Amino acid sequence: MPVALLLSAAMESVRTRAGGRLSAGRCLAELARHFTATWKAAVPRKTPSQKLRERDGGWCTVPGCSHHATDEHHVLYRSQGGGDEPENKTAVCGYHHHRCIHAGHVKAWGKAPDQLTWVMGGEVVAPA
């Protein structure tokens, strides 16, 4: 169906529901209001991981790393009693997360985002 016919039918529906003659501008305004109200709830919300990466500036928080953060890391692992609180999670790149942290080469403790202490290659990097 051509767009003009679809729009004409939608405007006629608005006029019918309103019970009278409405200008084209008023019909378009009502269509826009209805569209916004209908689809507002469907707008994708940010996931907790996206919010965490945004909090941490979008970059890996491992000191010296310049890669974009793609993962969230639990400072105190859930298997060790850590929770999902924001202060127990930090944004990291996939390399540091899987190849360094979970391989035991890099460790972190403290409270994110500003109170994390890191150990990398035996060197301690404390928060400034």
Protein backbone atom coordinates (compact mmCIF):
# COMPACT_ATOMS: atom_id res chain seq x y z
CA MET A 1 0.00 0.00 0.00
CA PRO A 2 1.47 3.37 -0.94
CA VAL A 3 2.39 5.58 2.00
CA ALA A 4 -0.05 8.32 0.92
CA LEU A 5 -2.98 5.89 1.10
CA LEU A 6 -1.85 4.56 4.46
CA LEU A 7 -1.49 8.08 5.87
CA SER A 8 -4.89 9.07 4.47
CA ALA A 9 -6.52 6.04 6.13
CA ALA A 10 -4.79 6.81 9.44
CA MET A 11 -5.94 10.44 9.34
CA GLU A 12 -9.50 9.32 8.54
CA SER A 13 -9.36 7.02 11.55
CA VAL A 14 -8.27 9.92 13.77
CA ARG A 15 -11.15 12.05 12.45
CA THR A 16 -13.63 9.24 13.08
CA ARG A 17 -12.44 8.72 16.65
CA ALA A 18 -12.53 12.46 17.29
CA GLY A 19 -16.11 12.63 16.00
CA GLY A 20 -15.61 15.53 13.64
CA ARG A 21 -13.55 17.37 11.15
CA LEU A 22 -9.95 17.90 12.11
CA SER A 23 -7.31 19.67 10.09
CA ALA A 24 -4.54 17.64 8.52
CA GLY A 25 -2.10 19.22 10.98
CA ARG A 26 -4.23 18.24 13.97
CA CYS A 27 -4.57 14.68 12.63
CA LEU A 28 -0.80 14.42 12.22
CA ALA A 29 -0.28 15.74 15.75
CA GLU A 30 -2.69 13.12 17.13
CA LEU A 31 -0.99 10.37 15.13
CA ALA A 32 2.39 11.46 16.47
CA ARG A 33 1.09 11.58 20.06
CA HIS A 34 -0.42 8.11 19.72
CA PHE A 35 2.75 6.73 18.12
CA THR A 36 4.93 8.17 20.88
CA ALA A 37 2.68 6.85 23.65
CA THR A 38 2.49 3.41 22.03
CA TRP A 39 6.19 2.96 21.34
CA LYS A 40 7.69 4.77 24.35
CA ALA A 41 7.81 1.55 26.36
CA ALA A 42 9.45 -0.29 23.45
CA VAL A 43 12.50 1.99 23.37
CA PRO A 44 15.44 -0.17 24.36
CA ARG A 45 16.78 0.60 27.80
CA LYS A 46 20.41 0.30 28.71
CA THR A 47 21.46 -3.03 30.15
CA PRO A 48 23.25 -3.08 33.52
CA SER A 49 26.46 -3.90 31.64
CA GLN A 50 26.01 -0.88 29.33
CA LYS A 51 25.37 1.37 32.35
CA LEU A 52 28.50 0.04 34.05
CA ARG A 53 30.66 0.61 30.96
CA GLU A 54 29.20 4.12 30.67
CA ARG A 55 30.01 4.79 34.35
CA ASP A 56 33.60 3.75 33.70
CA GLY A 57 33.89 5.98 30.63
CA GLY A 58 33.65 3.18 28.08
CA TRP A 59 37.28 2.16 28.53
CA CYS A 60 38.97 -0.81 30.18
CA THR A 61 39.77 0.11 33.78
CA VAL A 62 42.93 -2.02 33.96
CA PRO A 63 45.72 0.53 34.47
CA GLY A 64 47.55 1.32 31.24
CA CYS A 65 44.95 -0.23 28.93
CA SER A 66 43.60 1.87 26.07
CA HIS A 67 40.97 -0.55 24.74
CA HIS A 68 37.22 -0.10 24.83
CA ALA A 69 35.51 -1.99 27.63
CA THR A 70 33.44 -4.89 26.35
CA ASP A 71 32.91 -6.86 29.55
CA GLU A 72 32.01 -6.34 33.17
CA HIS A 73 34.18 -7.99 35.80
CA HIS A 74 33.12 -8.86 39.34
CA VAL A 75 35.96 -7.69 41.59
CA LEU A 76 35.02 -10.25 44.22
CA TYR A 77 33.78 -13.22 42.22
CA ARG A 78 30.20 -14.28 42.84
CA SER A 79 31.51 -17.78 43.58
CA GLN A 80 33.44 -16.20 46.47
CA GLY A 81 30.46 -14.28 47.85
CA GLY A 82 30.62 -11.16 45.68
CA GLY A 83 27.40 -9.56 44.56
CA ASP A 84 26.13 -7.56 41.62
CA GLU A 85 26.44 -4.19 43.36
CA PRO A 86 27.99 -1.48 41.16
CA GLU A 87 30.95 -1.13 43.52
CA ASN A 88 31.80 -4.81 42.94
CA LYS A 89 31.92 -4.51 39.15
CA THR A 90 34.31 -2.79 36.81
CA ALA A 91 34.46 -2.43 33.04
CA VAL A 92 37.26 -4.27 31.27
CA CYS A 93 38.25 -5.23 27.74
CA GLY A 94 37.85 -8.83 26.66
CA TYR A 95 41.61 -9.45 26.57
CA HIS A 96 42.22 -8.33 30.15
CA HIS A 97 39.07 -10.06 31.38
CA HIS A 98 39.64 -13.50 29.90
CA ARG A 99 43.37 -13.70 29.27
CA CYS A 100 44.70 -11.80 32.26
CA ILE A 101 42.21 -11.57 35.14
CA HIS A 102 40.64 -15.03 34.90
CA ALA A 103 44.03 -16.55 34.05
CA GLY A 104 45.37 -15.15 37.35
CA HIS A 105 47.90 -12.70 35.88
CA VAL A 106 45.98 -9.57 36.95
CA LYS A 107 44.07 -9.11 40.19
CA ALA A 108 41.91 -6.33 41.57
CA TRP A 109 40.32 -5.59 44.91
CA GLY A 110 38.54 -2.69 46.52
CA LYS A 111 35.47 -0.73 45.52
CA ALA A 112 34.79 0.36 41.96
CA PRO A 113 35.04 2.69 40.29
CA ASP A 114 37.58 4.83 42.18
CA GLN A 115 38.98 2.62 44.94
CA LEU A 116 40.35 -0.37 43.08
CA THR A 117 43.87 -1.63 43.69
CA TRP A 118 45.39 -3.69 40.90
CA VAL A 119 48.25 -6.20 40.91
CA MET A 120 49.85 -6.78 37.51
CA GLY A 121 53.08 -8.67 37.04
CA GLY A 122 53.81 -8.40 40.74
CA GLU A 123 53.46 -4.61 40.68
CA VAL A 124 50.75 -2.98 42.82
CA VAL A 125 48.87 -0.07 41.27
CA ALA A 126 46.85 1.68 43.98
CA PRO A 127 44.14 4.28 43.41
CA ALA A 128 45.41 7.85 43.12
